Amino acid sequence: MGEDWAGRFPELFRPRFEEYANADLELCLGEPPDEQVARLHAVAVDPEGYVVVCRSVEEWRFLPGGRREPGETLDALCRRELREEAGCTVLGDPGPVFVFHRATSRNADPHQAHLSHPVSAWAYVVARVEVTGPPTNPRTASPSWRWSGSPSRRRPRGCGSTTASTRT
């Protein structure tokens, strides 16, 4: 029998409004219909077991990912966003979508004509990666960081040929 994740983590699963997207969000387990996926983010794990995260100009940390281009597969989207935002190469195939936000837009028109509207999915995958250089689209993110969930290794470390501050 499956675990009751919504019962264990009610704040994660509570429906909420996201102002910047003008959309109502609901966290859902599993895979959405492929054609609904408008955004994809990756829990990118390097060979040492670190999770690669990015830093915004506002100093927020976030999982690399972004918006789907017209005709783009989820595999291609994952590879492109990890290269652009984190300077990573995906090793093997990304895993399947394991969780997604069902985003219901309050806007009359879609953000971009090729994206599902008014309901779309912001999906998450796990991908094994190697940091092979700096981000190829540095205006969207600062150099990537590697983060370990291990209490003994909580201090972020800079990746690749870039240098990252160790402030959290």
Protein backbone atom coordinates (compact mmCIF):
# COMPACT_ATOMS: atom_id res chain seq x y z
CA MET A 1 0.00 0.00 0.00
CA GLY A 2 1.30 3.49 -0.90
CA GLU A 3 2.29 6.05 1.66
CA ASP A 4 -0.02 9.01 2.38
CA TRP A 5 2.38 11.79 1.36
CA ALA A 6 -0.33 14.46 1.43
CA GLY A 7 -1.16 13.47 5.01
CA ARG A 8 2.49 13.56 6.05
CA PHE A 9 3.30 16.84 4.30
CA PRO A 10 0.06 18.85 4.13
CA GLU A 11 1.81 22.16 3.41
CA LEU A 12 3.39 20.72 0.25
CA PHE A 13 0.07 19.41 -1.03
CA ARG A 14 -2.13 22.33 0.00
CA PRO A 15 -3.47 24.13 -3.12
CA ARG A 16 -2.02 27.62 -3.46
CA PHE A 17 -2.00 30.63 -5.75
CA GLU A 18 1.28 31.61 -7.45
CA GLU A 19 1.13 35.34 -8.19
CA TYR A 20 3.99 35.53 -10.73
CA ALA A 21 2.24 32.94 -12.92
CA ASN A 22 -1.31 34.08 -12.07
CA ALA A 23 -2.12 30.40 -11.57
CA ASP A 24 -3.59 28.09 -8.98
CA LEU A 25 -1.20 25.21 -8.15
CA GLU A 26 -1.84 21.73 -6.82
CA LEU A 27 0.99 19.25 -6.15
CA CYS A 28 0.31 15.80 -7.62
CA LEU A 29 2.28 12.56 -7.50
CA GLY A 30 3.01 10.64 -10.70
CA GLU A 31 3.17 11.66 -14.33
CA PRO A 32 0.90 14.19 -16.03
CA PRO A 33 -0.13 13.83 -19.69
CA ASP A 34 2.98 14.67 -21.76
CA GLU A 35 1.17 17.35 -23.74
CA GLN A 36 0.39 19.26 -20.52
CA VAL A 37 4.03 19.61 -19.42
CA ALA A 38 4.98 23.27 -19.86
CA ARG A 39 7.94 23.36 -17.43
CA LEU A 40 10.40 20.75 -16.25
CA HIS A 41 12.89 20.91 -13.38
CA ALA A 42 15.48 18.31 -12.44
CA VAL A 43 16.83 16.95 -9.19
CA ALA A 44 20.28 16.66 -10.78
CA VAL A 45 22.57 14.25 -8.92
CA ASP A 46 26.30 14.22 -9.71
CA PRO A 47 28.57 11.13 -9.46
CA GLU A 48 29.50 12.02 -5.85
CA GLY A 49 25.84 12.10 -4.81
CA TYR A 50 25.53 15.88 -4.60
CA VAL A 51 22.37 17.59 -5.85
CA VAL A 52 23.15 20.42 -8.27
CA VAL A 53 21.20 23.61 -7.59
CA CYS A 54 21.37 27.08 -9.13
CA ARG A 55 21.41 30.54 -7.59
CA SER A 56 19.27 33.43 -8.82
CA VAL A 57 20.31 37.08 -8.85
CA GLU A 58 18.10 37.44 -5.75
CA GLU A 59 20.28 34.75 -4.07
CA TRP A 60 17.51 32.11 -4.13
CA ARG A 61 18.51 28.49 -4.69
CA PHE A 62 16.47 26.52 -7.21
CA LEU A 63 16.47 23.29 -9.18
CA PRO A 64 17.61 23.79 -12.77
CA GLY A 65 14.85 23.68 -15.35
CA GLY A 66 12.53 25.80 -17.38
CA ARG A 67 9.93 26.22 -20.08
CA ARG A 68 9.36 23.76 -22.91
CA GLU A 69 10.07 24.90 -26.45
CA PRO A 70 7.71 24.07 -29.36
CA GLY A 71 7.99 20.40 -30.36
CA GLU A 72 10.55 19.63 -27.63
CA THR A 73 10.52 16.22 -25.92
CA LEU A 74 10.84 16.00 -22.15
CA ASP A 75 14.25 14.32 -22.59
CA ALA A 76 15.49 17.17 -24.80
CA LEU A 77 14.00 19.78 -22.43
CA CYS A 78 15.78 18.23 -19.44
CA ARG A 79 19.13 18.08 -21.24
CA ARG A 80 18.86 21.65 -22.58
CA GLU A 81 17.87 23.22 -19.27
CA LEU A 82 20.58 21.39 -17.29
CA ARG A 83 23.20 22.55 -19.81
CA GLU A 84 21.87 26.14 -19.93
CA GLU A 85 21.30 26.72 -16.22
CA ALA A 86 23.82 24.45 -14.50
CA GLY A 87 26.51 23.54 -17.04
CA CYS A 88 25.59 19.86 -16.70
CA THR A 89 25.57 16.93 -19.08
CA VAL A 90 22.93 14.27 -18.41
CA LEU A 91 24.42 10.79 -17.99
CA GLY A 92 22.07 8.18 -19.47
CA ASP A 93 18.36 8.90 -19.57
CA PRO A 94 16.57 11.21 -17.15
CA GLY A 95 14.14 9.39 -14.89
CA PRO A 96 10.38 9.64 -15.33
CA VAL A 97 8.35 12.52 -13.94
CA PHE A 98 7.69 11.65 -10.30
CA VAL A 99 5.75 14.72 -9.17
CA PHE A 100 4.20 17.78 -10.79
CA HIS A 101 2.29 20.93 -10.04
CA ARG A 102 -1.03 21.09 -11.87
CA ALA A 103 -1.12 24.77 -12.80
CA THR A 104 -4.49 26.27 -13.69
CA SER A 105 -3.98 29.69 -15.24
CA ARG A 106 -6.30 32.56 -14.43
CA ASN A 107 -5.23 34.31 -17.64
CA ALA A 108 -7.58 34.36 -20.63
CA ASP A 109 -4.77 33.52 -23.07
CA PRO A 110 -1.82 31.13 -22.85
CA HIS A 111 1.62 32.49 -21.96
CA GLN A 112 2.89 30.99 -25.22
CA ALA A 113 0.71 29.56 -27.98
CA HIS A 114 2.33 26.09 -27.95
CA LEU A 115 1.78 25.53 -24.20
CA SER A 116 -1.25 23.77 -22.73
CA HIS A 117 -3.87 26.24 -21.44
CA PRO A 118 -5.56 26.85 -19.03
CA VAL A 119 -4.25 23.67 -17.32
CA SER A 120 -0.57 22.82 -17.60
CA ALA A 121 1.95 20.80 -15.60
CA TRP A 122 5.22 21.89 -14.00
CA ALA A 123 7.03 18.56 -13.78
CA TYR A 124 10.04 17.20 -11.84
CA VAL A 125 12.47 14.40 -12.72
CA VAL A 126 15.67 12.96 -11.29
CA ALA A 127 18.70 12.93 -13.60
CA ARG A 128 22.25 11.69 -13.13
CA VAL A 129 24.58 14.44 -14.30
CA GLU A 130 28.15 15.56 -14.59
CA VAL A 131 29.05 19.24 -14.28
CA THR A 132 31.05 19.82 -17.46
CA GLY A 133 31.38 23.60 -17.49
CA PRO A 134 29.68 26.87 -16.71
CA PRO A 135 26.02 27.44 -17.58
CA THR A 136 25.57 28.17 -21.31
CA ASN A 137 22.84 30.71 -20.53
CA PRO A 138 24.33 32.58 -17.57
CA ARG A 139 21.72 35.37 -17.64
CA THR A 140 19.14 32.93 -16.24
CA ALA A 141 21.25 31.55 -13.39
CA SER A 142 24.49 31.95 -11.51
CA PRO A 143 27.07 29.19 -11.32
CA SER A 144 25.70 25.92 -10.05
CA TRP A 145 26.25 24.55 -6.56
CA ARG A 146 26.42 21.01 -5.29
CA TRP A 147 24.43 20.26 -2.18
CA SER A 148 24.44 17.19 0.01
CA GLY A 149 21.55 16.24 2.23
CA SER A 150 24.01 14.65 4.64
CA PRO A 151 24.22 16.65 7.90
CA SER A 152 28.00 16.26 7.91
CA ARG A 153 28.26 17.80 4.41
CA ARG A 154 25.72 20.64 4.51
CA ARG A 155 28.05 23.37 3.26
CA PRO A 156 27.47 24.13 -0.48
CA ARG A 157 30.47 23.77 -2.77
CA GLY A 158 31.06 25.50 -6.09
CA CYS A 159 31.08 23.35 -9.24
CA GLY A 160 32.93 23.12 -12.50
CA SER A 161 35.13 25.99 -13.52
CA THR A 162 32.97 28.51 -11.70
CA THR A 163 33.28 29.78 -8.16
CA ALA A 164 30.31 30.00 -5.83
CA SER A 165 30.00 31.76 -2.51
CA THR A 166 29.40 29.51 0.50
CA ARG A 167 26.69 31.73 1.98
CA THR A 168 23.38 29.95 2.49
